[in-house]
Structures are given as structure tokens and as C-alpha cells.
């Protein structure tokens, strides 16, 4: 199974909170990245990476940085993000 297949499967999970938490952790694992690696690549504090993996909601700016560092859109990695939020500048 390729990383793209894993991403597609995770996007289909029903529970949005579980989807966001699981997807970040699993994608990180698939790419052999630590939380510190994601932090360094995204410029986001390591504590925020840990928080989002535990299901704590973080700012749109931080979500965008993490998603971008993994080559994904915010909507792909954090499907609970609303269109209204995407229009906000946090």
C-alpha cells in the first residue's frame, strides 16, 4: 500500500476528530518523521504538533503550516476546517 492509498483511506473515515488525529500521526509515521521533524519542517512549535495529534484544535495558520509541510491542503489533513475558517486570517 502506498502513502497515497493510505491518505485516500484516511480521508474516508467518518469521525472528523479521529480523522485529523489519525491522519497526521499515520502520515508522520509513514514518512518516518518525528513530531520534532514536522515541527521543524512547518515552523510550528513542537507542542502544537503534539496537541493536534491528541485532538486539540489549533489555529488555522498552524494547521496550514503543518499541512503544507506534509504536501497536503488544510482540508485534506484537517477535514473539520470550515470554509468560513479558511476565509479568516488568524
C-alpha atoms as a PDB file:
ATOM      1  CA  UNK A   1       0.000   0.000   0.000  1.00  0.00           C
ATOM      2  CA  UNK A   2       1.400   3.388  -0.977  1.00  0.00           C
ATOM      3  CA  UNK A   3       1.261   6.588   1.026  1.00  0.00           C
ATOM      4  CA  UNK A   4      -1.327   7.970  -1.439  1.00  0.00           C
ATOM      5  CA  UNK A   5      -3.570   4.963  -0.797  1.00  0.00           C
ATOM      6  CA  UNK A   6      -3.235   5.461   2.946  1.00  0.00           C
ATOM      7  CA  UNK A   7      -4.162   9.131   2.574  1.00  0.00           C
ATOM      8  CA  UNK A   8      -7.224   8.230   0.489  1.00  0.00           C
ATOM      9  CA  UNK A   9      -8.359   5.679   3.060  1.00  0.00           C
ATOM     10  CA  UNK A  10      -7.923   8.124   5.930  1.00  0.00           C
ATOM     11  CA  UNK A  11      -9.885  10.830   4.151  1.00  0.00           C
ATOM     12  CA  UNK A  12     -12.848   8.424   4.048  1.00  0.00           C
ATOM     13  CA  UNK A  13     -13.002   7.917   7.829  1.00  0.00           C
ATOM     14  CA  UNK A  14     -16.329   9.187   9.190  1.00  0.00           C
ATOM     15  CA  UNK A  15     -15.401  10.780  12.536  1.00  0.00           C
ATOM     16  CA  UNK A  16     -13.764  14.143  11.759  1.00  0.00           C
ATOM     17  CA  UNK A  17     -11.843  14.430  15.033  1.00  0.00           C
ATOM     18  CA  UNK A  18     -10.438  10.929  14.704  1.00  0.00           C
ATOM     19  CA  UNK A  19      -9.655  11.578  11.051  1.00  0.00           C
ATOM     20  CA  UNK A  20      -7.494  14.622  11.812  1.00  0.00           C
ATOM     21  CA  UNK A  21      -5.699  12.998  14.715  1.00  0.00           C
ATOM     22  CA  UNK A  22      -5.114   9.691  12.956  1.00  0.00           C
ATOM     23  CA  UNK A  23      -4.156  11.191   9.641  1.00  0.00           C
ATOM     24  CA  UNK A  24      -1.374  13.391  10.997  1.00  0.00           C
ATOM     25  CA  UNK A  25       0.060  10.636  13.166  1.00  0.00           C
ATOM     26  CA  UNK A  26      -0.151   7.977  10.430  1.00  0.00           C
ATOM     27  CA  UNK A  27       1.260  10.212   7.705  1.00  0.00           C
ATOM     28  CA  UNK A  28       4.091  11.167  10.028  1.00  0.00           C
ATOM     29  CA  UNK A  29       4.766   7.507  10.713  1.00  0.00           C
ATOM     30  CA  UNK A  30       4.612   6.558   7.008  1.00  0.00           C
ATOM     31  CA  UNK A  31       7.158   9.215   6.174  1.00  0.00           C
ATOM     32  CA  UNK A  32       9.425   8.295   9.063  1.00  0.00           C
ATOM     33  CA  UNK A  33       9.001  11.705  10.663  1.00  0.00           C
ATOM     34  CA  UNK A  34       9.034  12.554  14.337  1.00  0.00           C
ATOM     35  CA  UNK A  35       6.912  15.307  15.845  1.00  0.00           C
ATOM     36  CA  UNK A  36      10.095  17.377  16.001  1.00  0.00           C
ATOM     37  CA  UNK A  37      10.641  16.801  12.263  1.00  0.00           C
ATOM     38  CA  UNK A  38       7.124  18.049  11.482  1.00  0.00           C
ATOM     39  CA  UNK A  39       7.723  20.998  13.785  1.00  0.00           C
ATOM     40  CA  UNK A  40      10.965  21.902  12.040  1.00  0.00           C
ATOM     41  CA  UNK A  41       9.502  21.496   8.530  1.00  0.00           C
ATOM     42  CA  UNK A  42       6.382  23.510   9.313  1.00  0.00           C
ATOM     43  CA  UNK A  43       7.837  26.121  11.640  1.00  0.00           C
ATOM     44  CA  UNK A  44       5.179  25.207  14.212  1.00  0.00           C
ATOM     45  CA  UNK A  45       6.077  24.720  17.868  1.00  0.00           C
ATOM     46  CA  UNK A  46       6.551  21.011  18.724  1.00  0.00           C
ATOM     47  CA  UNK A  47       3.925  21.318  21.458  1.00  0.00           C
ATOM     48  CA  UNK A  48       1.313  22.239  18.821  1.00  0.00           C
ATOM     49  CA  UNK A  49       2.146  19.170  16.747  1.00  0.00           C
ATOM     50  CA  UNK A  50       1.654  17.044  19.851  1.00  0.00           C
ATOM     51  CA  UNK A  51      -1.589  18.834  20.729  1.00  0.00           C
ATOM     52  CA  UNK A  52      -3.148  18.320  17.304  1.00  0.00           C
ATOM     53  CA  UNK A  53      -2.291  14.616  17.432  1.00  0.00           C
ATOM     54  CA  UNK A  54      -4.196  14.458  20.712  1.00  0.00           C
ATOM     55  CA  UNK A  55      -7.235  16.093  19.102  1.00  0.00           C
ATOM     56  CA  UNK A  56      -6.787  19.617  20.436  1.00  0.00           C
ATOM     57  CA  UNK A  57      -7.891  22.244  17.932  1.00  0.00           C
ATOM     58  CA  UNK A  58      -5.127  24.625  16.835  1.00  0.00           C
ATOM     59  CA  UNK A  59      -5.164  27.847  14.805  1.00  0.00           C
ATOM     60  CA  UNK A  60      -5.836  27.800  11.080  1.00  0.00           C
ATOM     61  CA  UNK A  61      -2.394  29.289  10.485  1.00  0.00           C
ATOM     62  CA  UNK A  62      -0.730  26.402  12.369  1.00  0.00           C
ATOM     63  CA  UNK A  63      -2.923  23.829  10.581  1.00  0.00           C
ATOM     64  CA  UNK A  64      -1.954  25.345   7.220  1.00  0.00           C
ATOM     65  CA  UNK A  65       1.746  25.237   8.101  1.00  0.00           C
ATOM     66  CA  UNK A  66       1.600  21.575   9.154  1.00  0.00           C
ATOM     67  CA  UNK A  67      -0.468  20.542   6.139  1.00  0.00           C
ATOM     68  CA  UNK A  68       1.832  22.433   3.781  1.00  0.00           C
ATOM     69  CA  UNK A  69       4.914  20.805   5.290  1.00  0.00           C
ATOM     70  CA  UNK A  70       3.356  17.411   4.506  1.00  0.00           C
ATOM     71  CA  UNK A  71       2.343  18.439   0.979  1.00  0.00           C
ATOM     72  CA  UNK A  72      -1.383  18.453   1.743  1.00  0.00           C
ATOM     73  CA  UNK A  73      -4.117  21.036   1.814  1.00  0.00           C
ATOM     74  CA  UNK A  74      -5.656  22.059   5.126  1.00  0.00           C
ATOM     75  CA  UNK A  75      -8.916  20.388   4.059  1.00  0.00           C
ATOM     76  CA  UNK A  76      -7.136  17.088   3.381  1.00  0.00           C
ATOM     77  CA  UNK A  77      -5.328  16.953   6.705  1.00  0.00           C
ATOM     78  CA  UNK A  78      -7.931  18.744   8.824  1.00  0.00           C
ATOM     79  CA  UNK A  79     -11.309  17.995   7.221  1.00  0.00           C
ATOM     80  CA  UNK A  80     -13.186  19.640  10.081  1.00  0.00           C
ATOM     81  CA  UNK A  81     -11.914  23.020   8.873  1.00  0.00           C
ATOM     82  CA  UNK A  82     -14.864  25.067   7.648  1.00  0.00           C
ATOM     83  CA  UNK A  83     -14.978  27.324   4.604  1.00  0.00           C
ATOM     84  CA  UNK A  84     -15.612  30.227   6.983  1.00  0.00           C
ATOM     85  CA  UNK A  85     -12.375  29.467   8.831  1.00  0.00           C
ATOM     86  CA  UNK A  86     -10.446  29.255   5.583  1.00  0.00           C
ATOM     87  CA  UNK A  87     -11.552  32.815   4.840  1.00  0.00           C
ATOM     88  CA  UNK A  88     -10.331  34.060   8.232  1.00  0.00           C
ATOM     89  CA  UNK A  89      -6.808  35.271   8.792  1.00  0.00           C
ATOM     90  CA  UNK A  90      -5.838  34.079  12.263  1.00  0.00           C
END
